[in-house]
Amino acid sequence: QVQLVESGGGLVQAGDSLRLSCAASGRTFNGGMVAWFRQAPGKDRNFVAAIRGSPGATNYADSVKGRFTISRVNAKNTAYLQMNSLKPEDTAVYYCAAVPYPHSDYEFQRGYAYWGQGTQVTVSS
């Protein structure tokens, strides 16, 4: 059974940093694609960042470029989202998603087979 477990969320102030983790079990995604999406209250779930293939091309939503960095450690089967210079508008539940092979639909939810349960990030002003 494949599981993705997110951790690292919390309550921070504007300008602070957080690092989210997404630990996978049940299969590896080292050559595949892992992404982060987020969903604010009352809004749709939106793409944040993805890391694709090997050695790992990265893509970001315009709203987080230059502030967020996605990475992964294959030996740990874990992906990370380093979030710097956080803003109140970054407040959302952050979800990890994965698929065993890379493809071009990285910013769409339909492109992922597995999802985590989400971790809350709250940024106060």
C-alpha atoms as a PDB file:
ATOM      1  CA  GLN A   1       0.000   0.000   0.000  1.00  0.00           C
ATOM      2  CA  VAL A   2       1.418   3.348  -1.047  1.00  0.00           C
ATOM      3  CA  GLN A   3       1.344   6.135   1.513  1.00  0.00           C
ATOM      4  CA  LEU A   4       2.481   9.752   1.436  1.00  0.00           C
ATOM      5  CA  VAL A   5       2.808  11.433   4.799  1.00  0.00           C
ATOM      6  CA  GLU A   6       3.353  15.173   5.074  1.00  0.00           C
ATOM      7  CA  SER A   7       4.829  16.910   8.081  1.00  0.00           C
ATOM      8  CA  GLY A   8       6.364  20.222   9.058  1.00  0.00           C
ATOM      9  CA  GLY A   9       3.387  22.532   8.931  1.00  0.00           C
ATOM     10  CA  GLY A  10       2.620  25.021  11.648  1.00  0.00           C
ATOM     11  CA  LEU A  11       1.877  28.590  12.649  1.00  0.00           C
ATOM     12  CA  VAL A  12       4.513  31.173  11.770  1.00  0.00           C
ATOM     13  CA  GLN A  13       4.777  34.907  11.272  1.00  0.00           C
ATOM     14  CA  ALA A  14       5.154  36.690   7.966  1.00  0.00           C
ATOM     15  CA  GLY A  15       8.756  36.556   6.809  1.00  0.00           C
ATOM     16  CA  ASP A  16       9.499  33.283   8.581  1.00  0.00           C
ATOM     17  CA  SER A  17      10.477  29.975   6.997  1.00  0.00           C
ATOM     18  CA  LEU A  18       9.133  26.431   7.169  1.00  0.00           C
ATOM     19  CA  ARG A  19      10.213  23.156   5.616  1.00  0.00           C
ATOM     20  CA  LEU A  20       7.576  20.616   4.724  1.00  0.00           C
ATOM     21  CA  SER A  21       8.414  16.946   4.286  1.00  0.00           C
ATOM     22  CA  CYS A  22       6.651  14.261   2.277  1.00  0.00           C
ATOM     23  CA  ALA A  23       7.701  10.730   3.159  1.00  0.00           C
ATOM     24  CA  ALA A  24       6.653   7.966   0.773  1.00  0.00           C
ATOM     25  CA  SER A  25       6.263   4.297   1.613  1.00  0.00           C
ATOM     26  CA  GLY A  26       5.108   1.311  -0.381  1.00  0.00           C
ATOM     27  CA  ARG A  27       7.029   2.267  -3.528  1.00  0.00           C
ATOM     28  CA  THR A  28       9.700   4.658  -4.689  1.00  0.00           C
ATOM     29  CA  PHE A  29       9.192   7.777  -6.787  1.00  0.00           C
ATOM     30  CA  ASN A  30      12.867   8.512  -7.425  1.00  0.00           C
ATOM     31  CA  GLY A  31      12.499   8.650 -11.200  1.00  0.00           C
ATOM     32  CA  GLY A  32       8.954   9.875 -11.087  1.00  0.00           C
ATOM     33  CA  MET A  33       7.273  13.095 -10.147  1.00  0.00           C
ATOM     34  CA  VAL A  34       6.442  14.610  -6.771  1.00  0.00           C
ATOM     35  CA  ALA A  35       4.544  17.832  -6.291  1.00  0.00           C
ATOM     36  CA  TRP A  36       3.075  20.114  -3.682  1.00  0.00           C
ATOM     37  CA  PHE A  37      -0.374  21.612  -3.985  1.00  0.00           C
ATOM     38  CA  ARG A  38      -2.171  23.869  -1.550  1.00  0.00           C
ATOM     39  CA  GLN A  39      -5.746  24.698  -0.718  1.00  0.00           C
ATOM     40  CA  ALA A  40      -6.828  27.801   1.156  1.00  0.00           C
ATOM     41  CA  PRO A  41     -10.247  27.909   2.878  1.00  0.00           C
ATOM     42  CA  GLY A  42     -13.021  28.274   0.339  1.00  0.00           C
ATOM     43  CA  LYS A  43     -10.657  28.051  -2.618  1.00  0.00           C
ATOM     44  CA  ASP A  44      -9.566  25.446  -5.113  1.00  0.00           C
ATOM     45  CA  ARG A  45      -6.512  23.272  -4.641  1.00  0.00           C
ATOM     46  CA  ASN A  46      -3.659  24.828  -6.623  1.00  0.00           C
ATOM     47  CA  PHE A  47      -0.260  23.759  -7.860  1.00  0.00           C
ATOM     48  CA  VAL A  48       2.749  25.000  -5.916  1.00  0.00           C
ATOM     49  CA  ALA A  49       5.839  23.110  -7.095  1.00  0.00           C
ATOM     50  CA  ALA A  50       6.941  19.878  -8.742  1.00  0.00           C
ATOM     51  CA  ILE A  51      10.143  17.906  -9.151  1.00  0.00           C
ATOM     52  CA  ARG A  52      10.251  15.608 -12.160  1.00  0.00           C
ATOM     53  CA  GLY A  53      12.386  12.699 -13.293  1.00  0.00           C
ATOM     54  CA  SER A  54      16.056  12.253 -12.586  1.00  0.00           C
ATOM     55  CA  PRO A  55      18.097  14.253 -11.711  1.00  0.00           C
ATOM     56  CA  GLY A  56      14.946  16.274 -11.093  1.00  0.00           C
ATOM     57  CA  ALA A  57      13.712  19.231 -13.109  1.00  0.00           C
ATOM     58  CA  THR A  58      11.690  21.655 -11.011  1.00  0.00           C
ATOM     59  CA  ASN A  59       8.698  23.849 -11.723  1.00  0.00           C
ATOM     60  CA  TYR A  60       6.998  26.473  -9.572  1.00  0.00           C
ATOM     61  CA  ALA A  61       3.840  28.498  -9.478  1.00  0.00           C
ATOM     62  CA  ASP A  62       4.565  32.158 -10.166  1.00  0.00           C
ATOM     63  CA  SER A  63       3.336  33.101  -6.691  1.00  0.00           C
ATOM     64  CA  VAL A  64       6.124  31.137  -4.980  1.00  0.00           C
ATOM     65  CA  LYS A  65       9.049  31.485  -7.398  1.00  0.00           C
ATOM     66  CA  GLY A  66      12.145  32.724  -5.648  1.00  0.00           C
ATOM     67  CA  ARG A  67      10.714  31.920  -2.202  1.00  0.00           C
ATOM     68  CA  PHE A  68       9.993  28.180  -2.267  1.00  0.00           C
ATOM     69  CA  THR A  69      12.321  25.336  -3.208  1.00  0.00           C
ATOM     70  CA  ILE A  70      11.293  21.752  -3.871  1.00  0.00           C
ATOM     71  CA  SER A  71      13.835  18.966  -3.465  1.00  0.00           C
ATOM     72  CA  ARG A  72      14.053  15.285  -2.686  1.00  0.00           C
ATOM     73  CA  VAL A  73      16.415  12.780  -1.130  1.00  0.00           C
ATOM     74  CA  ASN A  74      16.087   9.535  -3.060  1.00  0.00           C
ATOM     75  CA  ALA A  75      17.751   7.457  -0.360  1.00  0.00           C
ATOM     76  CA  LYS A  76      15.006   8.507   2.037  1.00  0.00           C
ATOM     77  CA  ASN A  77      12.198   8.419  -0.540  1.00  0.00           C
ATOM     78  CA  THR A  78      11.294  11.848   0.809  1.00  0.00           C
ATOM     79  CA  ALA A  79      10.540  15.161  -0.837  1.00  0.00           C
ATOM     80  CA  TYR A  80      10.748  18.582   0.760  1.00  0.00           C
ATOM     81  CA  LEU A  81       9.328  22.035   0.266  1.00  0.00           C
ATOM     82  CA  GLN A  82      11.486  24.776   1.747  1.00  0.00           C
ATOM     83  CA  MET A  83       9.344  27.868   2.162  1.00  0.00           C
ATOM     84  CA  ASN A  84      11.058  31.180   2.848  1.00  0.00           C
ATOM     85  CA  SER A  85       9.730  34.714   3.203  1.00  0.00           C
ATOM     86  CA  LEU A  86       6.287  33.386   3.990  1.00  0.00           C
ATOM     87  CA  LYS A  87       3.305  35.646   3.472  1.00  0.00           C
ATOM     88  CA  PRO A  88      -0.220  35.520   4.951  1.00  0.00           C
ATOM     89  CA  GLU A  89      -1.505  34.528   1.504  1.00  0.00           C
ATOM     90  CA  ASP A  90       0.553  31.339   1.750  1.00  0.00           C
ATOM     91  CA  THR A  91      -1.830  30.139   4.447  1.00  0.00           C
ATOM     92  CA  ALA A  92      -3.363  26.855   3.281  1.00  0.00           C
ATOM     93  CA  VAL A  93      -3.384  23.120   3.704  1.00  0.00           C
ATOM     94  CA  TYR A  94      -0.414  21.785   1.761  1.00  0.00           C
ATOM     95  CA  TYR A  95      -0.710  18.418   0.032  1.00  0.00           C
ATOM     96  CA  CYS A  96       2.001  16.184  -1.348  1.00  0.00           C
ATOM     97  CA  ALA A  97       1.241  14.237  -4.533  1.00  0.00           C
ATOM     98  CA  ALA A  98       3.230  11.684  -6.493  1.00  0.00           C
ATOM     99  CA  VAL A  99       3.223   9.561  -9.620  1.00  0.00           C
ATOM    100  CA  PRO A 100       5.832   6.910 -10.576  1.00  0.00           C
ATOM    101  CA  TYR A 101       6.742   8.464 -13.941  1.00  0.00           C
ATOM    102  CA  PRO A 102       7.345  12.056 -15.062  1.00  0.00           C
ATOM    103  CA  HIS A 103       5.045  13.744 -17.546  1.00  0.00           C
ATOM    104  CA  SER A 104       4.114  17.198 -18.711  1.00  0.00           C
ATOM    105  CA  ASP A 105       0.859  17.652 -16.744  1.00  0.00           C
ATOM    106  CA  TYR A 106       2.769  18.400 -13.565  1.00  0.00           C
ATOM    107  CA  GLU A 107       0.584  21.329 -12.520  1.00  0.00           C
ATOM    108  CA  PHE A 108      -2.704  19.467 -12.693  1.00  0.00           C
ATOM    109  CA  GLN A 109      -4.167  17.300  -9.946  1.00  0.00           C
ATOM    110  CA  ARG A 110      -5.182  14.685 -12.525  1.00  0.00           C
ATOM    111  CA  GLY A 111      -1.506  13.988 -13.150  1.00  0.00           C
ATOM    112  CA  TYR A 112      -0.953  12.357  -9.769  1.00  0.00           C
ATOM    113  CA  ALA A 113      -1.942   8.925  -8.532  1.00  0.00           C
ATOM    114  CA  TYR A 114      -1.119   9.274  -4.862  1.00  0.00           C
ATOM    115  CA  TRP A 115      -1.878  11.985  -2.317  1.00  0.00           C
ATOM    116  CA  GLY A 116      -1.036  12.708   1.273  1.00  0.00           C
ATOM    117  CA  GLN A 117      -3.475  13.825   3.942  1.00  0.00           C
ATOM    118  CA  GLY A 118      -2.244  17.411   4.048  1.00  0.00           C
ATOM    119  CA  THR A 119      -0.491  19.620   6.571  1.00  0.00           C
ATOM    120  CA  GLN A 120      -1.705  23.042   7.703  1.00  0.00           C
ATOM    121  CA  VAL A 121       0.468  26.101   7.206  1.00  0.00           C
ATOM    122  CA  THR A 122      -0.737  29.315   8.797  1.00  0.00           C
ATOM    123  CA  VAL A 123       1.126  32.583   8.325  1.00  0.00           C
ATOM    124  CA  SER A 124       0.137  35.484  10.542  1.00  0.00           C
ATOM    125  CA  SER A 125       0.720  39.106   9.582  1.00  0.00           C
END
